[in-house]
Every structure is written in C-alpha cells, then in structure tokens.
Amino acid sequence: MKKLVLLAVVLIGITATSFAQATATANASATILPKVSVQKNNDLNFGGIYTGATGGTVVIAAQDGNVTRTGTASMNSGTGNAAKFTISGMANAPVTVVLPGTILNLTGAGVPMPYTLATNITPGTGGALAAFLDWQGNYTFWVGGTLTVGATQAPGTYSGSFTMTVTNP
C-alpha cells in the first residue's frame, strides 16, 4: 500500500509539473498620424497684359516666378507671380501633389483665356508629383502656368481658380 501511495504521489507530481503554465502580457498601441494639409500662400497672377496684333502667351515660371511672353502679348512691368503653397503634416512624411490635368480658363469681359499649370516639384515614378515633408513637417512649392491671350481679347479683369490635391500615399 505504501508503494501504491508513493506511486500515486509521484504520478501526481509528474502530471502537475508536466502541465505547468507560464504567462506573459503584451501591450497594444496605435498612433494616429497628423493629417496632411495644404495652405495657399499666394495666388497665381498673370499680371497686366497688353494684347497685340496676333496675341500670344504669358508664362509664369514655377521655379523662379520669372515672367516671359511670346507673340505680341506684352506685360505691364512688375506684375505677375507664381502661386505658392505650403504642405504640413508629419515630419519626413512622403506626400503626393496632383495638379488639375485639364486646360483651365480665366473668364471675364471677353472670350475665356485658356491656361495650363506647371509646378517646381520634380515628377516621381509614373509621373506623380512626389515630395517629402522636411524635419518640421512642411514643404513649400510654387505653381506657375501658361496663359494664352487672344489678339482681340476684350479689356477687363479675368479670373478663375484651380484646386490642388495633396495626399499621403
């Protein structure tokens, strides 16, 4: 009987140690990153334009804001500037900028004047305009464009607008 009790105690001991348990706890967390935002600092302004016999174009360079013209369209000196935008978000984050892909129009006193946009952001893979926010979470860029002016453009003020789309990829 002693042997049987001893055997039972040994089996219980082996069984208890064979099924011993250990536990560990892990924490779960998530960080909501700041949304990317874009702010317009300056509007695109093609300036004061005189039309000539054949019309022409007025170009505002996005890289440096320089104004050039073709044809007989001439500028009132000292006018015209590129639009300026500032993107804000998480430091060093990648962003994608999308310009309107169609020809836009300035409308006013006469026939609408078509214009296209250009930016100083270097196209990335697949032609997307990709940039990285700086260590403070900002990126500034400029948008220029080319305005086509007709020879018989009616005098007056012309205006239009365009929408920039900025996303985190």
C-alpha atoms as a PDB file:
ATOM      1  CA  MET A   1       0.000   0.000   0.000  1.00  0.00           C
ATOM      2  CA  LYS A   2       2.867   2.294   0.784  1.00  0.00           C
ATOM      3  CA  LYS A   3       4.192   1.609  -2.673  1.00  0.00           C
ATOM      4  CA  LEU A   4       0.853   2.436  -4.222  1.00  0.00           C
ATOM      5  CA  VAL A   5       0.571   5.718  -2.321  1.00  0.00           C
ATOM      6  CA  LEU A   6       4.146   6.604  -3.253  1.00  0.00           C
ATOM      7  CA  LEU A   7       3.436   5.803  -6.898  1.00  0.00           C
ATOM      8  CA  ALA A   8       0.299   7.974  -6.802  1.00  0.00           C
ATOM      9  CA  VAL A   9       2.262  10.887  -5.288  1.00  0.00           C
ATOM     10  CA  VAL A  10       5.000  10.553  -7.931  1.00  0.00           C
ATOM     11  CA  LEU A  11       2.433  10.424 -10.769  1.00  0.00           C
ATOM     12  CA  ILE A  12       0.603  13.448  -9.411  1.00  0.00           C
ATOM     13  CA  GLY A  13       3.917  15.306  -9.159  1.00  0.00           C
ATOM     14  CA  ILE A  14       4.893  14.397 -12.718  1.00  0.00           C
ATOM     15  CA  THR A  15       1.444  15.304 -14.009  1.00  0.00           C
ATOM     16  CA  ALA A  16       1.442  18.653 -12.189  1.00  0.00           C
ATOM     17  CA  THR A  17       4.874  19.630 -13.490  1.00  0.00           C
ATOM     18  CA  SER A  18       4.094  18.408 -16.995  1.00  0.00           C
ATOM     19  CA  PHE A  19       1.170  20.807 -17.266  1.00  0.00           C
ATOM     20  CA  ALA A  20       2.695  23.812 -15.531  1.00  0.00           C
ATOM     21  CA  GLN A  21       1.761  27.106 -17.176  1.00  0.00           C
ATOM     22  CA  ALA A  22       3.583  30.376 -17.771  1.00  0.00           C
ATOM     23  CA  THR A  23       2.081  33.663 -18.955  1.00  0.00           C
ATOM     24  CA  ALA A  24       3.320  36.895 -20.468  1.00  0.00           C
ATOM     25  CA  THR A  25       1.458  40.117 -21.171  1.00  0.00           C
ATOM     26  CA  ALA A  26       1.966  42.348 -24.202  1.00  0.00           C
ATOM     27  CA  ASN A  27       0.705  45.867 -24.692  1.00  0.00           C
ATOM     28  CA  ALA A  28      -1.113  47.051 -27.825  1.00  0.00           C
ATOM     29  CA  SER A  29      -0.850  50.582 -29.176  1.00  0.00           C
ATOM     30  CA  ALA A  30      -1.556  52.734 -32.204  1.00  0.00           C
ATOM     31  CA  THR A  31      -0.547  56.233 -33.210  1.00  0.00           C
ATOM     32  CA  ILE A  32      -2.836  58.394 -35.288  1.00  0.00           C
ATOM     33  CA  LEU A  33      -0.621  60.483 -37.519  1.00  0.00           C
ATOM     34  CA  PRO A  34      -1.442  64.105 -38.303  1.00  0.00           C
ATOM     35  CA  LYS A  35      -3.442  64.616 -41.451  1.00  0.00           C
ATOM     36  CA  VAL A  36      -1.679  66.278 -44.313  1.00  0.00           C
ATOM     37  CA  SER A  37      -2.932  69.766 -45.076  1.00  0.00           C
ATOM     38  CA  VAL A  38      -2.170  72.356 -47.736  1.00  0.00           C
ATOM     39  CA  GLN A  39      -2.416  76.112 -47.477  1.00  0.00           C
ATOM     40  CA  LYS A  40      -2.306  78.670 -50.280  1.00  0.00           C
ATOM     41  CA  ASN A  41       0.152  81.464 -49.514  1.00  0.00           C
ATOM     42  CA  ASN A  42      -0.074  83.395 -52.832  1.00  0.00           C
ATOM     43  CA  ASP A  43      -2.357  83.281 -55.862  1.00  0.00           C
ATOM     44  CA  LEU A  44      -1.181  82.732 -59.430  1.00  0.00           C
ATOM     45  CA  ASN A  45      -1.255  86.137 -61.119  1.00  0.00           C
ATOM     46  CA  PHE A  46      -0.565  86.513 -64.831  1.00  0.00           C
ATOM     47  CA  GLY A  47      -0.429  90.292 -64.307  1.00  0.00           C
ATOM     48  CA  GLY A  48      -1.437  93.199 -66.505  1.00  0.00           C
ATOM     49  CA  ILE A  49      -1.286  92.265 -70.197  1.00  0.00           C
ATOM     50  CA  TYR A  50      -1.459  94.315 -73.378  1.00  0.00           C
ATOM     51  CA  THR A  51      -2.696  92.417 -76.425  1.00  0.00           C
ATOM     52  CA  GLY A  52      -1.070  92.812 -79.804  1.00  0.00           C
ATOM     53  CA  ALA A  53      -1.966  92.064 -83.391  1.00  0.00           C
ATOM     54  CA  THR A  54      -1.543  88.299 -83.030  1.00  0.00           C
ATOM     55  CA  GLY A  55      -1.968  87.659 -79.305  1.00  0.00           C
ATOM     56  CA  GLY A  56       0.436  85.272 -77.629  1.00  0.00           C
ATOM     57  CA  THR A  57       1.230  83.636 -74.318  1.00  0.00           C
ATOM     58  CA  VAL A  58       2.310  84.784 -70.896  1.00  0.00           C
ATOM     59  CA  VAL A  59       4.346  82.258 -68.908  1.00  0.00           C
ATOM     60  CA  ILE A  60       4.931  82.410 -65.153  1.00  0.00           C
ATOM     61  CA  ALA A  61       7.780  80.012 -64.283  1.00  0.00           C
ATOM     62  CA  ALA A  62       7.139  77.905 -61.188  1.00  0.00           C
ATOM     63  CA  GLN A  63      10.857  77.506 -60.470  1.00  0.00           C
ATOM     64  CA  ASP A  64      11.632  81.196 -60.016  1.00  0.00           C
ATOM     65  CA  GLY A  65       8.486  83.209 -60.802  1.00  0.00           C
ATOM     66  CA  ASN A  66      10.071  84.769 -63.884  1.00  0.00           C
ATOM     67  CA  VAL A  67       7.595  86.099 -66.426  1.00  0.00           C
ATOM     68  CA  THR A  68       8.143  85.568 -70.155  1.00  0.00           C
ATOM     69  CA  ARG A  69       5.897  86.112 -73.154  1.00  0.00           C
ATOM     70  CA  THR A  70       5.529  85.051 -76.754  1.00  0.00           C
ATOM     71  CA  GLY A  71       3.813  86.703 -79.693  1.00  0.00           C
ATOM     72  CA  THR A  72       2.571  90.240 -79.312  1.00  0.00           C
ATOM     73  CA  ALA A  73       1.190  89.907 -75.780  1.00  0.00           C
ATOM     74  CA  SER A  74       3.210  92.210 -73.545  1.00  0.00           C
ATOM     75  CA  MET A  75       3.282  92.694 -69.806  1.00  0.00           C
ATOM     76  CA  ASN A  76       2.839  95.731 -67.664  1.00  0.00           C
ATOM     77  CA  SER A  77       6.217  95.703 -65.893  1.00  0.00           C
ATOM     78  CA  GLY A  78       6.397  94.445 -62.335  1.00  0.00           C
ATOM     79  CA  THR A  79       3.275  92.303 -62.486  1.00  0.00           C
ATOM     80  CA  GLY A  80       2.742  88.576 -62.347  1.00  0.00           C
ATOM     81  CA  ASN A  81       3.753  85.901 -59.860  1.00  0.00           C
ATOM     82  CA  ALA A  82       3.556  82.157 -59.267  1.00  0.00           C
ATOM     83  CA  ALA A  83       1.146  80.698 -56.709  1.00  0.00           C
ATOM     84  CA  LYS A  84       2.782  79.488 -53.508  1.00  0.00           C
ATOM     85  CA  PHE A  85       1.538  76.593 -51.363  1.00  0.00           C
ATOM     86  CA  THR A  86       2.725  75.082 -48.069  1.00  0.00           C
ATOM     87  CA  ILE A  87       2.007  71.461 -47.160  1.00  0.00           C
ATOM     88  CA  SER A  88       2.030  70.498 -43.472  1.00  0.00           C
ATOM     89  CA  GLY A  89       1.937  67.107 -41.801  1.00  0.00           C
ATOM     90  CA  MET A  90       4.206  64.604 -40.078  1.00  0.00           C
ATOM     91  CA  ALA A  91       7.951  65.263 -40.282  1.00  0.00           C
ATOM     92  CA  ASN A  92       9.736  63.493 -43.164  1.00  0.00           C
ATOM     93  CA  ALA A  93       6.451  62.045 -44.481  1.00  0.00           C
ATOM     94  CA  PRO A  94       6.001  61.424 -48.216  1.00  0.00           C
ATOM     95  CA  VAL A  95       3.233  63.327 -49.985  1.00  0.00           C
ATOM     96  CA  THR A  96       1.766  63.310 -53.481  1.00  0.00           C
ATOM     97  CA  VAL A  97       0.620  66.514 -55.193  1.00  0.00           C
ATOM     98  CA  VAL A  98      -1.918  66.417 -58.011  1.00  0.00           C
ATOM     99  CA  LEU A  99      -2.425  69.391 -60.338  1.00  0.00           C
ATOM    100  CA  PRO A 100      -5.599  69.686 -62.398  1.00  0.00           C
ATOM    101  CA  GLY A 101      -4.835  67.790 -65.596  1.00  0.00           C
ATOM    102  CA  THR A 102      -7.053  69.771 -67.928  1.00  0.00           C
ATOM    103  CA  ILE A 103      -6.840  73.155 -69.580  1.00  0.00           C
ATOM    104  CA  LEU A 104      -8.438  75.741 -67.335  1.00  0.00           C
ATOM    105  CA  ASN A 105      -9.961  79.099 -68.277  1.00  0.00           C
ATOM    106  CA  LEU A 106      -9.857  82.638 -66.971  1.00  0.00           C
ATOM    107  CA  THR A 107     -13.245  84.197 -67.605  1.00  0.00           C
ATOM    108  CA  GLY A 108     -14.214  87.836 -67.652  1.00  0.00           C
ATOM    109  CA  ALA A 109     -15.097  90.667 -70.017  1.00  0.00           C
ATOM    110  CA  GLY A 110     -14.463  88.742 -73.226  1.00  0.00           C
ATOM    111  CA  VAL A 111     -13.700  85.305 -74.608  1.00  0.00           C
ATOM    112  CA  PRO A 112     -12.284  82.962 -71.932  1.00  0.00           C
ATOM    113  CA  MET A 113      -8.488  82.700 -71.919  1.00  0.00           C
ATOM    114  CA  PRO A 114      -7.130  79.137 -71.519  1.00  0.00           C
ATOM    115  CA  TYR A 115      -4.242  78.380 -69.186  1.00  0.00           C
ATOM    116  CA  THR A 116      -2.280  75.344 -68.053  1.00  0.00           C
ATOM    117  CA  LEU A 117      -0.357  74.817 -64.825  1.00  0.00           C
ATOM    118  CA  ALA A 118       3.203  73.780 -64.003  1.00  0.00           C
ATOM    119  CA  THR A 119       4.968  73.239 -60.685  1.00  0.00           C
ATOM    120  CA  ASN A 120       8.540  73.161 -59.416  1.00  0.00           C
ATOM    121  CA  ILE A 121       8.062  69.649 -57.955  1.00  0.00           C
ATOM    122  CA  THR A 122      10.084  67.070 -59.862  1.00  0.00           C
ATOM    123  CA  PRO A 123       7.840  64.245 -61.148  1.00  0.00           C
ATOM    124  CA  GLY A 124       8.476  60.924 -59.454  1.00  0.00           C
ATOM    125  CA  THR A 125       7.747  57.391 -60.586  1.00  0.00           C
ATOM    126  CA  GLY A 126       4.869  57.213 -63.047  1.00  0.00           C
ATOM    127  CA  GLY A 127       4.735  60.998 -63.378  1.00  0.00           C
ATOM    128  CA  ALA A 128       3.289  61.551 -59.892  1.00  0.00           C
ATOM    129  CA  LEU A 129       4.444  64.710 -58.172  1.00  0.00           C
ATOM    130  CA  ALA A 130       6.068  63.274 -55.077  1.00  0.00           C
ATOM    131  CA  ALA A 131       7.757  65.178 -52.276  1.00  0.00           C
ATOM    132  CA  PHE A 132       8.855  64.655 -48.686  1.00  0.00           C
ATOM    133  CA  LEU A 133       7.981  66.972 -45.836  1.00  0.00           C
ATOM    134  CA  ASP A 134      11.001  68.394 -44.048  1.00  0.00           C
ATOM    135  CA  TRP A 135      12.071  67.624 -40.477  1.00  0.00           C
ATOM    136  CA  GLN A 136       9.489  70.143 -39.232  1.00  0.00           C
ATOM    137  CA  GLY A 137       6.689  68.581 -41.308  1.00  0.00           C
ATOM    138  CA  ASN A 138       6.496  71.276 -44.031  1.00  0.00           C
ATOM    139  CA  TYR A 139       7.060  71.513 -47.770  1.00  0.00           C
ATOM    140  CA  THR A 140       6.684  74.675 -49.872  1.00  0.00           C
ATOM    141  CA  PHE A 141       6.148  74.634 -53.625  1.00  0.00           C
ATOM    142  CA  TRP A 142       5.140  77.019 -56.391  1.00  0.00           C
ATOM    143  CA  VAL A 143       2.710  76.731 -59.279  1.00  0.00           C
ATOM    144  CA  GLY A 144       3.178  78.732 -62.434  1.00  0.00           C
ATOM    145  CA  GLY A 145       1.475  78.428 -65.763  1.00  0.00           C
ATOM    146  CA  THR A 146       0.994  79.451 -69.351  1.00  0.00           C
ATOM    147  CA  LEU A 147      -1.871  81.768 -70.328  1.00  0.00           C
ATOM    148  CA  THR A 148      -2.956  82.082 -73.953  1.00  0.00           C
ATOM    149  CA  VAL A 149      -4.057  85.625 -74.820  1.00  0.00           C
ATOM    150  CA  GLY A 150      -6.132  86.293 -77.953  1.00  0.00           C
ATOM    151  CA  ALA A 151      -5.299  89.132 -80.357  1.00  0.00           C
ATOM    152  CA  THR A 152      -8.726  90.678 -79.846  1.00  0.00           C
ATOM    153  CA  GLN A 153      -9.050  89.964 -76.131  1.00  0.00           C
ATOM    154  CA  ALA A 154     -11.542  92.415 -74.615  1.00  0.00           C
ATOM    155  CA  PRO A 155     -10.125  94.699 -71.905  1.00  0.00           C
ATOM    156  CA  GLY A 156     -11.193  93.890 -68.360  1.00  0.00           C
ATOM    157  CA  THR A 157     -10.455  91.623 -65.420  1.00  0.00           C
ATOM    158  CA  TYR A 158     -10.411  87.850 -65.940  1.00  0.00           C
ATOM    159  CA  SER A 159     -10.324  85.302 -63.154  1.00  0.00           C
ATOM    160  CA  GLY A 160     -10.526  81.595 -62.438  1.00  0.00           C
ATOM    161  CA  SER A 161      -9.440  79.073 -59.859  1.00  0.00           C
ATOM    162  CA  PHE A 162      -7.829  75.681 -59.551  1.00  0.00           C
ATOM    163  CA  THR A 163      -7.720  73.065 -56.815  1.00  0.00           C
ATOM    164  CA  MET A 164      -4.547  71.355 -55.590  1.00  0.00           C
ATOM    165  CA  THR A 165      -4.914  67.858 -54.148  1.00  0.00           C
ATOM    166  CA  VAL A 166      -2.307  66.673 -51.652  1.00  0.00           C
ATOM    167  CA  THR A 167      -2.352  63.178 -50.147  1.00  0.00           C
ATOM    168  CA  ASN A 168      -0.192  60.896 -48.035  1.00  0.00           C
ATOM    169  CA  PRO A 169       0.500  57.881 -50.242  1.00  0.00           C
END
